[in-house]
C-alpha atoms as a PDB file:
ATOM      1  CA  MET A   1      55.162  26.659 -96.827  1.00  0.00           C
ATOM      2  CA  GLY A   2      54.246  30.281 -96.191  1.00  0.00           C
ATOM      3  CA  THR A   3      55.181  29.825 -92.537  1.00  0.00           C
ATOM      4  CA  LEU A   4      58.583  28.441 -93.472  1.00  0.00           C
ATOM      5  CA  TYR A   5      59.448  31.476 -95.587  1.00  0.00           C
ATOM      6  CA  GLY A   6      57.884  34.009 -93.203  1.00  0.00           C
ATOM      7  CA  PHE A   7      54.980  35.064 -95.434  1.00  0.00           C
ATOM      8  CA  VAL A   8      52.320  33.883 -92.990  1.00  0.00           C
ATOM      9  CA  PRO A   9      52.699  35.120 -89.409  1.00  0.00           C
ATOM     10  CA  LEU A  10      50.465  32.358 -88.013  1.00  0.00           C
ATOM     11  CA  ASP A  11      51.808  28.910 -87.321  1.00  0.00           C
ATOM     12  CA  ARG A  12      50.181  25.556 -86.650  1.00  0.00           C
ATOM     13  CA  ALA A  13      49.185  26.578 -83.120  1.00  0.00           C
ATOM     14  CA  TRP A  14      46.581  28.942 -84.621  1.00  0.00           C
ATOM     15  CA  LEU A  15      45.045  26.376 -86.947  1.00  0.00           C
ATOM     16  CA  THR A  16      42.929  24.488 -84.402  1.00  0.00           C
ATOM     17  CA  PRO A  17      41.498  27.595 -82.666  1.00  0.00           C
ATOM     18  CA  GLY A  18      40.825  29.127 -86.074  1.00  0.00           C
ATOM     19  CA  TRP A  19      38.790  26.124 -87.164  1.00  0.00           C
ATOM     20  CA  GLY A  20      37.025  26.105 -83.792  1.00  0.00           C
ATOM     21  CA  VAL A  21      35.914  29.718 -84.201  1.00  0.00           C
ATOM     22  CA  PHE A  22      34.842  29.036 -87.785  1.00  0.00           C
ATOM     23  CA  ILE A  23      32.738  26.029 -86.750  1.00  0.00           C
ATOM     24  CA  ALA A  24      31.195  27.955 -83.839  1.00  0.00           C
ATOM     25  CA  LEU A  25      30.166  30.881 -86.057  1.00  0.00           C
ATOM     26  CA  LEU A  26      28.850  28.576 -88.766  1.00  0.00           C
ATOM     27  CA  SER A  27      26.830  26.660 -86.162  1.00  0.00           C
ATOM     28  CA  LEU A  28      25.413  29.911 -84.821  1.00  0.00           C
ATOM     29  CA  THR A  29      24.385  31.012 -88.311  1.00  0.00           C
ATOM     30  CA  TRP A  30      22.719  27.708 -89.153  1.00  0.00           C
ATOM     31  CA  SER A  31      21.001  27.520 -85.765  1.00  0.00           C
ATOM     32  CA  ALA A  32      19.552  30.985 -86.298  1.00  0.00           C
ATOM     33  CA  PHE A  33      18.355  29.927 -89.752  1.00  0.00           C
ATOM     34  CA  VAL A  34      16.757  26.681 -88.561  1.00  0.00           C
ATOM     35  CA  GLN A  35      15.085  28.359 -85.576  1.00  0.00           C
ATOM     36  CA  ARG A  36      13.861  31.391 -87.527  1.00  0.00           C
ATOM     37  CA  GLU A  37      10.455  32.824 -86.650  1.00  0.00           C
ATOM     38  CA  THR A  38      10.861  31.712 -83.009  1.00  0.00           C
ATOM     39  CA  ASP A  39      12.050  33.599 -79.921  1.00  0.00           C
ATOM     40  CA  LEU A  40      15.257  31.554 -79.856  1.00  0.00           C
ATOM     41  CA  GLY A  41      15.814  32.265 -83.531  1.00  0.00           C
ATOM     42  CA  PHE A  42      15.460  36.005 -82.981  1.00  0.00           C
ATOM     43  CA  ARG A  43      17.978  35.890 -80.129  1.00  0.00           C
ATOM     44  CA  LEU A  44      20.452  33.838 -82.186  1.00  0.00           C
ATOM     45  CA  THR A  45      20.042  36.175 -85.155  1.00  0.00           C
ATOM     46  CA  LYS A  46      20.690  39.196 -82.945  1.00  0.00           C
ATOM     47  CA  ILE A  47      23.865  37.572 -81.562  1.00  0.00           C
ATOM     48  CA  ASP A  48      24.991  36.636 -85.073  1.00  0.00           C
ATOM     49  CA  GLU A  49      24.447  40.158 -86.375  1.00  0.00           C
ATOM     50  CA  THR A  50      26.284  41.642 -83.390  1.00  0.00           C
ATOM     51  CA  LEU A  51      29.329  39.448 -83.955  1.00  0.00           C
ATOM     52  CA  ARG A  52      29.475  40.266 -87.633  1.00  0.00           C
END
């Protein structure tokens, strides 16, 4: 509805990539949490902190 009236500049084409980025960042965060205290966990945490 916001797209119809011009309140929201993003249309449906941005919805799928937006969800994709959200899922990727959430997966990165959870992977870093699950792998904490390991070398992989430290690398994932560093990447997560850099992107934030």
